[in-house]
Protein backbone atom coordinates (compact mmCIF):
# COMPACT_ATOMS: atom_id res chain seq x y z
CA UNK A 1 13.98 -45.64 -5.76
CA UNK A 2 13.48 -46.39 -2.06
CA UNK A 3 10.17 -47.59 -0.67
CA UNK A 4 8.46 -45.06 1.60
CA UNK A 5 6.27 -46.84 4.18
CA UNK A 6 4.55 -43.55 5.11
CA UNK A 7 3.43 -42.72 1.56
CA UNK A 8 -0.16 -43.52 0.59
CA UNK A 9 -0.48 -46.96 -0.93
CA UNK A 10 -3.11 -47.65 -3.57
CA UNK A 11 -6.06 -45.56 -4.71
CA UNK A 12 -7.32 -44.89 -1.18
CA UNK A 13 -5.33 -42.17 0.58
CA UNK A 14 -5.88 -40.84 4.08
CA UNK A 15 -5.44 -37.14 4.82
CA UNK A 16 -4.16 -37.09 8.40
CA UNK A 17 -4.42 -33.30 8.72
CA UNK A 18 -7.97 -33.22 7.40
CA UNK A 19 -7.16 -30.32 5.08
CA UNK A 20 -9.05 -31.88 2.18
CA UNK A 21 -12.19 -32.19 4.27
CA UNK A 22 -11.80 -28.60 5.50
CA UNK A 23 -11.36 -27.35 1.94
CA UNK A 24 -14.43 -29.24 0.74
CA UNK A 25 -16.45 -27.82 3.63
CA UNK A 26 -15.34 -24.30 2.65
CA UNK A 27 -16.22 -24.85 -1.01
CA UNK A 28 -19.59 -26.40 -0.15
CA UNK A 29 -20.30 -23.48 2.19
CA UNK A 30 -19.99 -21.12 -0.76
CA UNK A 31 -17.26 -18.82 0.55
CA UNK A 32 -17.99 -15.10 0.13
CA UNK A 33 -21.44 -14.10 -1.08
CA UNK A 34 -21.37 -13.82 -4.86
CA UNK A 35 -24.41 -11.56 -5.05
CA UNK A 36 -22.54 -8.72 -3.30
CA UNK A 37 -19.59 -8.71 -5.71
CA UNK A 38 -21.02 -6.53 -8.54
CA UNK A 39 -22.15 -3.85 -6.11
CA UNK A 40 -18.72 -3.75 -4.47
CA UNK A 41 -16.90 -3.45 -7.81
CA UNK A 42 -18.83 -0.29 -8.76
CA UNK A 43 -16.81 1.82 -6.29
CA UNK A 44 -13.36 1.23 -7.79
CA UNK A 45 -14.75 1.69 -11.31
CA UNK A 46 -16.11 5.15 -10.42
CA UNK A 47 -12.75 6.07 -8.87
CA UNK A 48 -10.96 5.00 -12.04
CA UNK A 49 -13.25 7.13 -14.22
CA UNK A 50 -12.76 10.17 -11.97
CA UNK A 51 -8.99 9.63 -11.99
CA UNK A 52 -8.86 9.45 -15.80
CA UNK A 53 -10.96 12.62 -16.13
CA UNK A 54 -8.70 14.42 -13.63
CA UNK A 55 -5.56 13.30 -15.49
CA UNK A 56 -6.96 14.52 -18.82
CA UNK A 57 -7.89 17.87 -17.24
CA UNK A 58 -4.38 18.28 -15.78
CA UNK A 59 -2.71 17.45 -19.10
CA UNK A 60 -5.03 19.88 -20.90
CA UNK A 61 -4.25 22.65 -18.36
CA UNK A 62 -0.48 22.10 -18.67
CA UNK A 63 -0.70 22.13 -22.47
CA UNK A 64 -2.83 25.30 -22.41
CA UNK A 65 -0.32 27.06 -20.12
CA UNK A 66 2.63 25.89 -22.23
CA UNK A 67 1.11 27.15 -25.47
CA UNK A 68 -0.26 30.43 -24.08
């Protein structure tokens, strides 16, 4: 295996792009607010319930017409 002079040597590695520091700053900042998540997820859940009820009603109507 060839020796790479540009590879980090030893336990101390330098991040020339600074992406590690930027990621840590984002994580420490907290990212999106976590308190707003449950309120935002209530909308899609209501839509799912309405969709299931509508699908059951359509299937029931088709079955009623087919058997009538």
